[in-house]
Amino acid sequence: KASSDYLAGQPQISFGWFVTYDTIEDGREKRTSVWTGESAIVRGAGYR
């Protein structure tokens, strides 16, 4: 909760992220995909 409140109280945030996630192919084969990026917000002004 402290982390959530801290982020919610920030008027501006930018950060990078690196995600890996699994999908199951043909009912049995697990494959891992990668999703990377960066996000930024200025509350009341915009998001990208």
All heavy atoms as atom14 arrays in JSON, in Angstrom:
{
  "sequence": "KASSDYLAGQPQISFGWFVTYDTIEDGREKRTSVWTGESAIVRGAGYR",
  "atom14_mask": [
    [1, 1, 1, 1, 1, 1, 1, 1, 1, 0, 0, 0, 0, 0],
    [1, 1, 1, 1, 1, 0, 0, 0, 0, 0, 0, 0, 0, 0],
    [1, 1, 1, 1, 1, 1, 0, 0, 0, 0, 0, 0, 0, 0],
    [1, 1, 1, 1, 1, 1, 0, 0, 0, 0, 0, 0, 0, 0],
    [1, 1, 1, 1, 1, 1, 1, 1, 0, 0, 0, 0, 0, 0],
    [1, 1, 1, 1, 1, 1, 1, 1, 1, 1, 1, 1, 0, 0],
    [1, 1, 1, 1, 1, 1, 1, 1, 0, 0, 0, 0, 0, 0],
    [1, 1, 1, 1, 1, 0, 0, 0, 0, 0, 0, 0, 0, 0],
    [1, 1, 1, 1, 0, 0, 0, 0, 0, 0, 0, 0, 0, 0],
    [1, 1, 1, 1, 1, 1, 1, 1, 1, 0, 0, 0, 0, 0],
    [1, 1, 1, 1, 1, 1, 1, 0, 0, 0, 0, 0, 0, 0],
    [1, 1, 1, 1, 1, 1, 1, 1, 1, 0, 0, 0, 0, 0],
    [1, 1, 1, 1, 1, 1, 1, 1, 0, 0, 0, 0, 0, 0],
    [1, 1, 1, 1, 1, 1, 0, 0, 0, 0, 0, 0, 0, 0],
    [1, 1, 1, 1, 1, 1, 1, 1, 1, 1, 1, 0, 0, 0],
    [1, 1, 1, 1, 0, 0, 0, 0, 0, 0, 0, 0, 0, 0],
    [1, 1, 1, 1, 1, 1, 1, 1, 1, 1, 1, 1, 1, 1],
    [1, 1, 1, 1, 1, 1, 1, 1, 1, 1, 1, 0, 0, 0],
    [1, 1, 1, 1, 1, 1, 1, 0, 0, 0, 0, 0, 0, 0],
    [1, 1, 1, 1, 1, 1, 1, 0, 0, 0, 0, 0, 0, 0],
    [1, 1, 1, 1, 1, 1, 1, 1, 1, 1, 1, 1, 0, 0],
    [1, 1, 1, 1, 1, 1, 1, 1, 0, 0, 0, 0, 0, 0],
    [1, 1, 1, 1, 1, 1, 1, 0, 0, 0, 0, 0, 0, 0],
    [1, 1, 1, 1, 1, 1, 1, 1, 0, 0, 0, 0, 0, 0],
    [1, 1, 1, 1, 1, 1, 1, 1, 1, 0, 0, 0, 0, 0],
    [1, 1, 1, 1, 1, 1, 1, 1, 0, 0, 0, 0, 0, 0],
    [1, 1, 1, 1, 0, 0, 0, 0, 0, 0, 0, 0, 0, 0],
    [1, 1, 1, 1, 1, 1, 1, 1, 1, 1, 1, 0, 0, 0],
    [1, 1, 1, 1, 1, 1, 1, 1, 1, 0, 0, 0, 0, 0],
    [1, 1, 1, 1, 1, 1, 1, 1, 1, 0, 0, 0, 0, 0],
    [1, 1, 1, 1, 1, 1, 1, 1, 1, 1, 1, 0, 0, 0],
    [1, 1, 1, 1, 1, 1, 1, 0, 0, 0, 0, 0, 0, 0],
    [1, 1, 1, 1, 1, 1, 0, 0, 0, 0, 0, 0, 0, 0],
    [1, 1, 1, 1, 1, 1, 1, 0, 0, 0, 0, 0, 0, 0],
    [1, 1, 1, 1, 1, 1, 1, 1, 1, 1, 1, 1, 1, 1],
    [1, 1, 1, 1, 1, 1, 1, 0, 0, 0, 0, 0, 0, 0],
    [1, 1, 1, 1, 0, 0, 0, 0, 0, 0, 0, 0, 0, 0],
    [1, 1, 1, 1, 1, 1, 1, 1, 1, 0, 0, 0, 0, 0],
    [1, 1, 1, 1, 1, 1, 0, 0, 0, 0, 0, 0, 0, 0],
    [1, 1, 1, 1, 1, 0, 0, 0, 0, 0, 0, 0, 0, 0],
    [1, 1, 1, 1, 1, 1, 1, 1, 0, 0, 0, 0, 0, 0],
    [1, 1, 1, 1, 1, 1, 1, 0, 0, 0, 0, 0, 0, 0],
    [1, 1, 1, 1, 1, 1, 1, 1, 1, 1, 1, 0, 0, 0],
    [1, 1, 1, 1, 0, 0, 0, 0, 0, 0, 0, 0, 0, 0],
    [1, 1, 1, 1, 1, 0, 0, 0, 0, 0, 0, 0, 0, 0],
    [1, 1, 1, 1, 0, 0, 0, 0, 0, 0, 0, 0, 0, 0],
    [1, 1, 1, 1, 1, 1, 1, 1, 1, 1, 1, 1, 0, 0],
    [1, 1, 1, 1, 1, 1, 1, 1, 1, 1, 1, 0, 0, 0]
  ],
  "atom14_positions": [
    [[0.83, -1.2, 0.0], [0.0, 0.0, 0.0], [0.86, 1.26, 0.0], [0.55, 2.25, -0.68], [-0.93, 0.0, 1.21], [-1.87, 1.21, 1.26], [-2.78, 1.15, 2.47], [-3.77, 2.31, 2.45], [-3.12, 3.63, 2.4], [0.0, 0.0, 0.0], [0.0, 0.0, 0.0], [0.0, 0.0, 0.0], [0.0, 0.0, 0.0], [0.0, 0.0, 0.0]],
    [[1.96, 1.23, 0.76], [2.85, 2.4, 0.8], [3.43, 2.7, -0.57], [3.55, 3.85, -0.98], [3.97, 2.17, 1.82], [0.0, 0.0, 0.0], [0.0, 0.0, 0.0], [0.0, 0.0, 0.0], [0.0, 0.0, 0.0], [0.0, 0.0, 0.0], [0.0, 0.0, 0.0], [0.0, 0.0, 0.0], [0.0, 0.0, 0.0], [0.0, 0.0, 0.0]],
    [[3.77, 1.66, -1.31], [4.29, 1.85, -2.66], [3.22, 2.4, -3.59], [3.46, 3.32, -4.37], [4.83, 0.51, -3.21], [5.37, 0.67, -4.5], [0.0, 0.0, 0.0], [0.0, 0.0, 0.0], [0.0, 0.0, 0.0], [0.0, 0.0, 0.0], [0.0, 0.0, 0.0], [0.0, 0.0, 0.0], [0.0, 0.0, 0.0], [0.0, 0.0, 0.0]],
    [[2.01, 1.84, -3.48], [0.89, 2.31, -4.3], [0.59, 3.79, -4.02], [0.44, 4.6, -4.95], [-0.35, 1.47, -4.01], [-1.5, 2.02, -4.62], [0.0, 0.0, 0.0], [0.0, 0.0, 0.0], [0.0, 0.0, 0.0], [0.0, 0.0, 0.0], [0.0, 0.0, 0.0], [0.0, 0.0, 0.0], [0.0, 0.0, 0.0], [0.0, 0.0, 0.0]],
    [[0.53, 4.15, -2.75], [0.23, 5.54, -2.38], [1.33, 6.48, -2.86], [1.06, 7.61, -3.27], [0.07, 5.65, -0.86], [-1.19, 4.97, -0.36], [-2.07, 4.62, -1.18], [-1.29, 4.77, 0.88], [0.0, 0.0, 0.0], [0.0, 0.0, 0.0], [0.0, 0.0, 0.0], [0.0, 0.0, 0.0], [0.0, 0.0, 0.0], [0.0, 0.0, 0.0]],
    [[2.57, 6.01, -2.78], [3.7, 6.83, -3.2], [3.59, 7.17, -4.68], [3.74, 8.33, -5.09], [4.99, 6.09, -2.91], [6.25, 6.8, -3.35], [6.67, 7.97, -2.74], [7.02, 6.28, -4.39], [7.83, 8.62, -3.15], [8.17, 6.91, -4.8], [8.57, 8.08, -4.17], [9.73, 8.72, -4.59], [0.0, 0.0, 0.0], [0.0, 0.0, 0.0]],
    [[3.31, 6.17, -5.52], [3.19, 6.41, -6.95], [1.97, 7.27, -7.27], [2.03, 8.16, -8.12], [3.11, 5.09, -7.71], [4.35, 4.2, -7.67], [4.14, 2.96, -8.53], [5.58, 4.96, -8.14], [0.0, 0.0, 0.0], [0.0, 0.0, 0.0], [0.0, 0.0, 0.0], [0.0, 0.0, 0.0], [0.0, 0.0, 0.0], [0.0, 0.0, 0.0]],
    [[0.86, 7.01, -6.58], [-0.36, 7.77, -6.83], [-0.18, 9.25, -6.49], [-0.84, 10.11, -7.07], [-1.52, 7.19, -6.03], [0.0, 0.0, 0.0], [0.0, 0.0, 0.0], [0.0, 0.0, 0.0], [0.0, 0.0, 0.0], [0.0, 0.0, 0.0], [0.0, 0.0, 0.0], [0.0, 0.0, 0.0], [0.0, 0.0, 0.0], [0.0, 0.0, 0.0]],
    [[0.73, 9.55, -5.58], [0.94, 10.92, -5.16], [1.95, 11.69, -5.99], [2.18, 12.88, -5.76], [0.0, 0.0, 0.0], [0.0, 0.0, 0.0], [0.0, 0.0, 0.0], [0.0, 0.0, 0.0], [0.0, 0.0, 0.0], [0.0, 0.0, 0.0], [0.0, 0.0, 0.0], [0.0, 0.0, 0.0], [0.0, 0.0, 0.0], [0.0, 0.0, 0.0]],
    [[2.55, 11.03, -6.98], [3.56, 11.69, -7.81], [2.89, 12.41, -8.98], [2.17, 11.79, -9.78], [4.56, 10.67, -8.35], [5.35, 9.94, -7.29], [6.22, 10.87, -6.48], [6.74, 11.87, -7.0], [6.42, 10.55, -5.21], [0.0, 0.0, 0.0], [0.0, 0.0, 0.0], [0.0, 0.0, 0.0], [0.0, 0.0, 0.0], [0.0, 0.0, 0.0]],
    [[3.12, 13.71, -9.14], [2.52, 14.43, -10.26], [3.13, 14.08, -11.61], [2.51, 14.26, -12.66], [2.77, 15.9, -9.91], [3.97, 15.87, -9.03], [3.86, 14.6, -8.23], [0.0, 0.0, 0.0], [0.0, 0.0, 0.0], [0.0, 0.0, 0.0], [0.0, 0.0, 0.0], [0.0, 0.0, 0.0], [0.0, 0.0, 0.0], [0.0, 0.0, 0.0]],
    [[4.34, 13.55, -11.59], [5.02, 13.17, -12.84], [5.79, 11.89, -12.6], [6.47, 11.72, -11.58], [5.97, 14.28, -13.3], [6.78, 13.92, -14.54], [7.68, 15.05, -14.99], [7.39, 16.22, -14.78], [8.79, 14.71, -15.64], [0.0, 0.0, 0.0], [0.0, 0.0, 0.0], [0.0, 0.0, 0.0], [0.0, 0.0, 0.0], [0.0, 0.0, 0.0]],
    [[5.71, 10.96, -13.56], [6.4, 9.68, -13.45], [6.91, 9.28, -14.82], [6.2, 9.4, -15.83], [5.46, 8.56, -12.94], [4.87, 8.9, -11.58], [6.21, 7.23, -12.87], [3.83, 7.9, -11.1], [0.0, 0.0, 0.0], [0.0, 0.0, 0.0], [0.0, 0.0, 0.0], [0.0, 0.0, 0.0], [0.0, 0.0, 0.0], [0.0, 0.0, 0.0]],
    [[8.12, 8.78, -14.87], [8.61, 8.11, -16.06], [9.45, 6.92, -15.61], [10.13, 6.97, -14.58], [9.43, 9.05, -16.96], [10.58, 9.52, -16.29], [0.0, 0.0, 0.0], [0.0, 0.0, 0.0], [0.0, 0.0, 0.0], [0.0, 0.0, 0.0], [0.0, 0.0, 0.0], [0.0, 0.0, 0.0], [0.0, 0.0, 0.0], [0.0, 0.0, 0.0]],
    [[9.39, 5.84, -16.37], [10.14, 4.64, -16.0], [10.22, 3.7, -17.21], [9.45, 3.81, -18.17], [9.49, 3.91, -14.81], [8.1, 3.38, -15.08], [7.89, 2.03, -15.33], [7.01, 4.23, -15.07], [6.62, 1.54, -15.57], [5.73, 3.76, -15.3], [5.52, 2.4, -15.55], [0.0, 0.0, 0.0], [0.0, 0.0, 0.0], [0.0, 0.0, 0.0]],
    [[11.19, 2.78, -17.14], [11.33, 1.77, -18.16], [10.87, 0.42, -17.64], [10.77, 0.22, -16.43], [0.0, 0.0, 0.0], [0.0, 0.0, 0.0], [0.0, 0.0, 0.0], [0.0, 0.0, 0.0], [0.0, 0.0, 0.0], [0.0, 0.0, 0.0], [0.0, 0.0, 0.0], [0.0, 0.0, 0.0], [0.0, 0.0, 0.0], [0.0, 0.0, 0.0]],
    [[10.6, -0.5, -18.54], [10.14, -1.82, -18.12], [10.55, -2.89, -19.12], [10.75, -2.63, -20.3], [8.63, -1.83, -17.9], [7.83, -1.07, -18.92], [7.47, 0.25, -18.86], [7.27, -1.58, -20.13], [6.74, 0.6, -19.97], [6.6, -0.49, -20.77], [7.27, -2.82, -20.74], [5.94, -0.64, -21.98], [6.61, -2.98, -21.96], [5.96, -1.89, -22.56]],
    [[10.72, -4.08, -18.57], [11.12, -5.25, -19.36], [10.26, -6.42, -18.89], [10.31, -6.81, -17.73], [12.61, -5.56, -19.14], [13.12, -6.74, -19.91], [13.73, -6.56, -21.16], [13.0, -8.03, -19.41], [14.21, -7.66, -21.87], [13.47, -9.13, -20.11], [14.08, -8.94, -21.35], [0.0, 0.0, 0.0], [0.0, 0.0, 0.0], [0.0, 0.0, 0.0]],
    [[9.44, -6.93, -19.79], [8.48, -7.97, -19.44], [8.76, -9.24, -20.23], [9.01, -9.18, -21.43], [7.03, -7.5, -19.72], [6.03, -8.64, -19.51], [6.67, -6.31, -18.86], [0.0, 0.0, 0.0], [0.0, 0.0, 0.0], [0.0, 0.0, 0.0], [0.0, 0.0, 0.0], [0.0, 0.0, 0.0], [0.0, 0.0, 0.0], [0.0, 0.0, 0.0]],
    [[8.71, -10.36, -19.55], [8.68, -11.66, -20.23], [7.37, -12.34, -19.85], [6.92, -12.23, -18.71], [9.86, -12.56, -19.84], [9.79, -12.86, -18.44], [11.19, -11.89, -20.15], [0.0, 0.0, 0.0], [0.0, 0.0, 0.0], [0.0, 0.0, 0.0], [0.0, 0.0, 0.0], [0.0, 0.0, 0.0], [0.0, 0.0, 0.0], [0.0, 0.0, 0.0]],
    [[6.75, -13.01, -20.81], [5.49, -13.69, -20.52], [5.38, -14.96, -21.35], [5.89, -15.06, -22.46], [4.3, -12.77, -20.77], [4.15, -12.3, -22.2], [3.31, -12.96, -23.09], [4.87, -11.21, -22.67], [3.19, -12.55, -24.41], [4.75, -10.78, -23.97], [3.9, -11.46, -24.84], [3.79, -11.04, -26.14], [0.0, 0.0, 0.0], [0.0, 0.0, 0.0]],
    [[4.69, -15.94, -20.77], [4.55, -17.24, -21.4], [3.23, -17.36, -22.15], [2.2, -16.81, -21.72], [4.59, -18.36, -20.36], [5.91, -18.43, -19.62], [6.93, -18.03, -20.2], [5.92, -18.9, -18.46], [0.0, 0.0, 0.0], [0.0, 0.0, 0.0], [0.0, 0.0, 0.0], [0.0, 0.0, 0.0], [0.0, 0.0, 0.0], [0.0, 0.0, 0.0]],
    [[3.26, -18.08, -23.24], [2.04, -18.53, -23.91], [2.19, -20.03, -24.14], [3.31, -20.55, -24.27], [1.83, -17.82, -25.26], [3.0, -17.98, -26.08], [1.56, -16.33, -25.05], [0.0, 0.0, 0.0], [0.0, 0.0, 0.0], [0.0, 0.0, 0.0], [0.0, 0.0, 0.0], [0.0, 0.0, 0.0], [0.0, 0.0, 0.0], [0.0, 0.0, 0.0]],
    [[1.07, -20.71, -24.16], [1.07, -22.16, -24.37], [0.63, -22.44, -25.8], [-0.48, -22.09, -26.2], [0.14, -22.87, -23.37], [0.47, -22.46, -21.93], [0.24, -24.38, -23.54], [1.89, -22.79, -21.51], [0.0, 0.0, 0.0], [0.0, 0.0, 0.0], [0.0, 0.0, 0.0], [0.0, 0.0, 0.0], [0.0, 0.0, 0.0], [0.0, 0.0, 0.0]],
    [[1.52, -23.07, -26.57], [1.25, -23.36, -27.98], [0.86, -24.83, -28.14], [1.48, -25.72, -27.55], [2.5, -23.07, -28.83], [3.06, -21.67, -28.66], [2.17, -20.63, -29.3], [1.39, -21.0, -30.2], [2.26, -19.44, -28.91], [0.0, 0.0, 0.0], [0.0, 0.0, 0.0], [0.0, 0.0, 0.0], [0.0, 0.0, 0.0], [0.0, 0.0, 0.0]],
    [[-0.18, -25.05, -28.95], [-0.64, -26.42, -29.27], [-0.95, -27.23, -28.03], [-0.79, -28.46, -28.02], [0.42, -27.15, -30.12], [0.7, -26.43, -31.43], [-0.25, -25.89, -32.02], [1.87, -26.42, -31.86], [0.0, 0.0, 0.0], [0.0, 0.0, 0.0], [0.0, 0.0, 0.0], [0.0, 0.0, 0.0], [0.0, 0.0, 0.0], [0.0, 0.0, 0.0]],
    [[-1.37, -26.54, -26.97], [-1.8, -27.23, -25.76], [-0.7, -27.76, -24.89], [-0.97, -28.32, -23.82], [0.0, 0.0, 0.0], [0.0, 0.0, 0.0], [0.0, 0.0, 0.0], [0.0, 0.0, 0.0], [0.0, 0.0, 0.0], [0.0, 0.0, 0.0], [0.0, 0.0, 0.0], [0.0, 0.0, 0.0], [0.0, 0.0, 0.0], [0.0, 0.0, 0.0]],
    [[0.56, -27.61, -25.28], [1.62, -28.21, -24.46], [2.93, -27.44, -24.48], [3.66, -27.44, -23.5], [1.89, -29.65, -24.91], [2.26, -29.78, -26.38], [2.68, -31.2, -26.72], [3.92, -31.56, -26.05], [4.52, -32.74, -26.2], [3.99, -33.66, -26.96], [5.64, -33.0, -25.56], [0.0, 0.0, 0.0], [0.0, 0.0, 0.0], [0.0, 0.0, 0.0]],
    [[3.28, -26.78, -25.58], [4.58, -26.13, -25.67], [4.54, -24.72, -25.1], [3.72, -23.9, -25.51], [5.02, -26.07, -27.14], [6.4, -25.45, -27.32], [6.81, -25.4, -28.78], [6.08, -25.94, -29.64], [7.86, -24.8, -29.07], [0.0, 0.0, 0.0], [0.0, 0.0, 0.0], [0.0, 0.0, 0.0], [0.0, 0.0, 0.0], [0.0, 0.0, 0.0]],
    [[5.4, -24.47, -24.15], [5.47, -23.14, -23.53], [6.49, -22.29, -24.26], [7.64, -22.69, -24.44], [5.84, -23.26, -22.06], [5.88, -21.92, -21.32], [6.33, -22.09, -19.89], [5.31, -22.81, -19.04], [5.7, -22.87, -17.62], [0.0, 0.0, 0.0], [0.0, 0.0, 0.0], [0.0, 0.0, 0.0], [0.0, 0.0, 0.0], [0.0, 0.0, 0.0]],
    [[6.05, -21.09, -24.66], [6.95, -20.16, -25.31], [6.99, -18.86, -24.52], [5.96, -18.39, -24.04], [6.51, -19.88, -26.76], [6.64, -21.08, -27.67], [6.32, -20.74, -29.1], [6.47, -21.9, -29.96], [6.18, -21.9, -31.26], [5.74, -20.78, -31.83], [6.34, -22.99, -31.98], [0.0, 0.0, 0.0], [0.0, 0.0, 0.0], [0.0, 0.0, 0.0]],
    [[8.17, -18.29, -24.43], [8.34, -17.05, -23.68], [8.59, -15.9, -24.65], [9.45, -15.99, -25.52], [9.51, -17.17, -22.69], [9.25, -18.23, -21.77], [9.7, -15.87, -21.92], [0.0, 0.0, 0.0], [0.0, 0.0, 0.0], [0.0, 0.0, 0.0], [0.0, 0.0, 0.0], [0.0, 0.0, 0.0], [0.0, 0.0, 0.0], [0.0, 0.0, 0.0]],
    [[7.81, -14.84, -24.5], [7.95, -13.65, -25.34], [8.47, -12.5, -24.5], [8.37, -12.5, -23.27], [6.6, -13.28, -25.96], [6.1, -14.32, -26.78], [0.0, 0.0, 0.0], [0.0, 0.0, 0.0], [0.0, 0.0, 0.0], [0.0, 0.0, 0.0], [0.0, 0.0, 0.0], [0.0, 0.0, 0.0], [0.0, 0.0, 0.0], [0.0, 0.0, 0.0]],
    [[9.02, -11.49, -25.18], [9.61, -10.33, -24.52], [8.87, -9.07, -24.97], [8.55, -8.92, -26.16], [11.11, -10.22, -24.85], [11.7, -8.93, -24.29], [11.86, -11.42, -24.31], [0.0, 0.0, 0.0], [0.0, 0.0, 0.0], [0.0, 0.0, 0.0], [0.0, 0.0, 0.0], [0.0, 0.0, 0.0], [0.0, 0.0, 0.0], [0.0, 0.0, 0.0]],
    [[8.62, -8.18, -24.03], [7.94, -6.91, -24.29], [8.7, -5.85, -23.52], [8.84, -5.93, -22.3], [6.5, -7.04, -23.8], [5.59, -5.89, -24.1], [5.67, -4.99, -25.1], [4.4, -5.57, -23.36], [4.61, -4.1, -25.05], [3.82, -4.44, -23.99], [3.78, -6.1, -22.23], [2.65, -3.84, -23.52], [2.62, -5.53, -21.77], [2.05, -4.4, -22.41]],
    [[9.24, -4.86, -24.21], [10.04, -3.83, -23.55], [9.52, -2.44, -23.91], [8.92, -2.24, -24.98], [11.52, -3.92, -23.97], [11.62, -3.72, -25.39], [12.1, -5.27, -23.62], [0.0, 0.0, 0.0], [0.0, 0.0, 0.0], [0.0, 0.0, 0.0], [0.0, 0.0, 0.0], [0.0, 0.0, 0.0], [0.0, 0.0, 0.0], [0.0, 0.0, 0.0]],
    [[9.79, -1.49, -23.03], [9.34, -0.14, -23.35], [9.61, 0.85, -22.24], [10.29, 0.55, -21.25], [0.0, 0.0, 0.0], [0.0, 0.0, 0.0], [0.0, 0.0, 0.0], [0.0, 0.0, 0.0], [0.0, 0.0, 0.0], [0.0, 0.0, 0.0], [0.0, 0.0, 0.0], [0.0, 0.0, 0.0], [0.0, 0.0, 0.0], [0.0, 0.0, 0.0]],
    [[9.02, 2.02, -22.41], [9.1, 3.06, -21.4], [7.79, 3.83, -21.4], [7.12, 3.95, -22.43], [10.27, 4.0, -21.69], [10.26, 4.63, -23.07], [11.5, 5.44, -23.35], [12.49, 5.27, -22.63], [11.47, 6.27, -24.29], [0.0, 0.0, 0.0], [0.0, 0.0, 0.0], [0.0, 0.0, 0.0], [0.0, 0.0, 0.0], [0.0, 0.0, 0.0]],
    [[7.41, 4.32, -20.24], [6.16, 5.04, -20.08], [6.4, 6.31, -19.27], [7.3, 6.35, -18.43], [5.11, 4.17, -19.36], [4.85, 2.97, -20.09], [0.0, 0.0, 0.0], [0.0, 0.0, 0.0], [0.0, 0.0, 0.0], [0.0, 0.0, 0.0], [0.0, 0.0, 0.0], [0.0, 0.0, 0.0], [0.0, 0.0, 0.0], [0.0, 0.0, 0.0]],
    [[5.57, 7.32, -19.54], [5.68, 8.58, -18.8], [4.31, 9.22, -18.69], [3.48, 9.11, -19.6], [6.64, 9.53, -19.51], [0.0, 0.0, 0.0], [0.0, 0.0, 0.0], [0.0, 0.0, 0.0], [0.0, 0.0, 0.0], [0.0, 0.0, 0.0], [0.0, 0.0, 0.0], [0.0, 0.0, 0.0], [0.0, 0.0, 0.0], [0.0, 0.0, 0.0]],
    [[4.09, 9.89, -17.56], [2.84, 10.61, -17.35], [3.12, 11.9, -16.6], [3.99, 11.92, -15.7], [1.8, 9.76, -16.58], [0.45, 10.47, -16.51], [2.3, 9.39, -15.19], [-0.67, 9.6, -15.94], [0.0, 0.0, 0.0], [0.0, 0.0, 0.0], [0.0, 0.0, 0.0], [0.0, 0.0, 0.0], [0.0, 0.0, 0.0], [0.0, 0.0, 0.0]],
    [[2.45, 12.96, -16.98], [2.37, 14.18, -16.19], [0.9, 14.37, -15.91], [0.11, 14.6, -16.84], [2.94, 15.4, -16.94], [2.75, 16.66, -16.1], [4.42, 15.19, -17.26], [0.0, 0.0, 0.0], [0.0, 0.0, 0.0], [0.0, 0.0, 0.0], [0.0, 0.0, 0.0], [0.0, 0.0, 0.0], [0.0, 0.0, 0.0], [0.0, 0.0, 0.0]],
    [[0.51, 14.19, -14.67], [-0.91, 14.17, -14.34], [-1.55, 15.51, -14.7], [-1.04, 16.57, -14.38], [-1.11, 13.84, -12.88], [-0.47, 12.49, -12.49], [-1.0, 11.94, -11.19], [-0.23, 10.79, -10.74], [-0.4, 9.54, -11.17], [-1.31, 9.29, -12.09], [0.35, 8.55, -10.7], [0.0, 0.0, 0.0], [0.0, 0.0, 0.0], [0.0, 0.0, 0.0]],
    [[-2.68, 15.41, -15.38], [-3.37, 16.6, -15.82], [-2.87, 17.14, -17.15], [-3.47, 18.07, -17.7], [0.0, 0.0, 0.0], [0.0, 0.0, 0.0], [0.0, 0.0, 0.0], [0.0, 0.0, 0.0], [0.0, 0.0, 0.0], [0.0, 0.0, 0.0], [0.0, 0.0, 0.0], [0.0, 0.0, 0.0], [0.0, 0.0, 0.0], [0.0, 0.0, 0.0]],
    [[-1.78, 16.57, -17.68], [-1.22, 17.06, -18.95], [-1.19, 16.0, -20.03], [-1.54, 16.26, -21.17], [0.19, 17.6, -18.72], [0.0, 0.0, 0.0], [0.0, 0.0, 0.0], [0.0, 0.0, 0.0], [0.0, 0.0, 0.0], [0.0, 0.0, 0.0], [0.0, 0.0, 0.0], [0.0, 0.0, 0.0], [0.0, 0.0, 0.0], [0.0, 0.0, 0.0]],
    [[-0.78, 14.77, -19.68], [-0.74, 13.74, -20.71], [0.04, 12.51, -20.32], [0.63, 12.42, -19.24], [0.0, 0.0, 0.0], [0.0, 0.0, 0.0], [0.0, 0.0, 0.0], [0.0, 0.0, 0.0], [0.0, 0.0, 0.0], [0.0, 0.0, 0.0], [0.0, 0.0, 0.0], [0.0, 0.0, 0.0], [0.0, 0.0, 0.0], [0.0, 0.0, 0.0]],
    [[0.05, 11.56, -21.26], [0.69, 10.25, -21.08], [1.3, 9.84, -22.42], [0.77, 10.17, -23.49], [-0.35, 9.22, -20.63], [0.04, 7.78, -20.84], [0.74, 7.07, -19.86], [-0.33, 7.09, -22.0], [1.08, 5.73, -20.04], [0.0, 5.75, -22.18], [0.7, 5.08, -21.2], [1.04, 3.75, -21.39], [0.0, 0.0, 0.0], [0.0, 0.0, 0.0]],
    [[2.41, 9.14, -22.34], [2.97, 8.55, -23.55], [3.68, 7.25, -23.2], [4.15, 7.07, -22.06], [3.93, 9.51, -24.23], [5.29, 9.64, -23.54], [6.19, 10.62, -24.26], [7.56, 10.55, -23.74], [8.48, 11.48, -23.98], [8.17, 12.53, -24.71], [9.7, 11.34, -23.48], [0.0, 0.0, 0.0], [0.0, 0.0, 0.0], [0.0, 0.0, 0.0]]
  ]
}
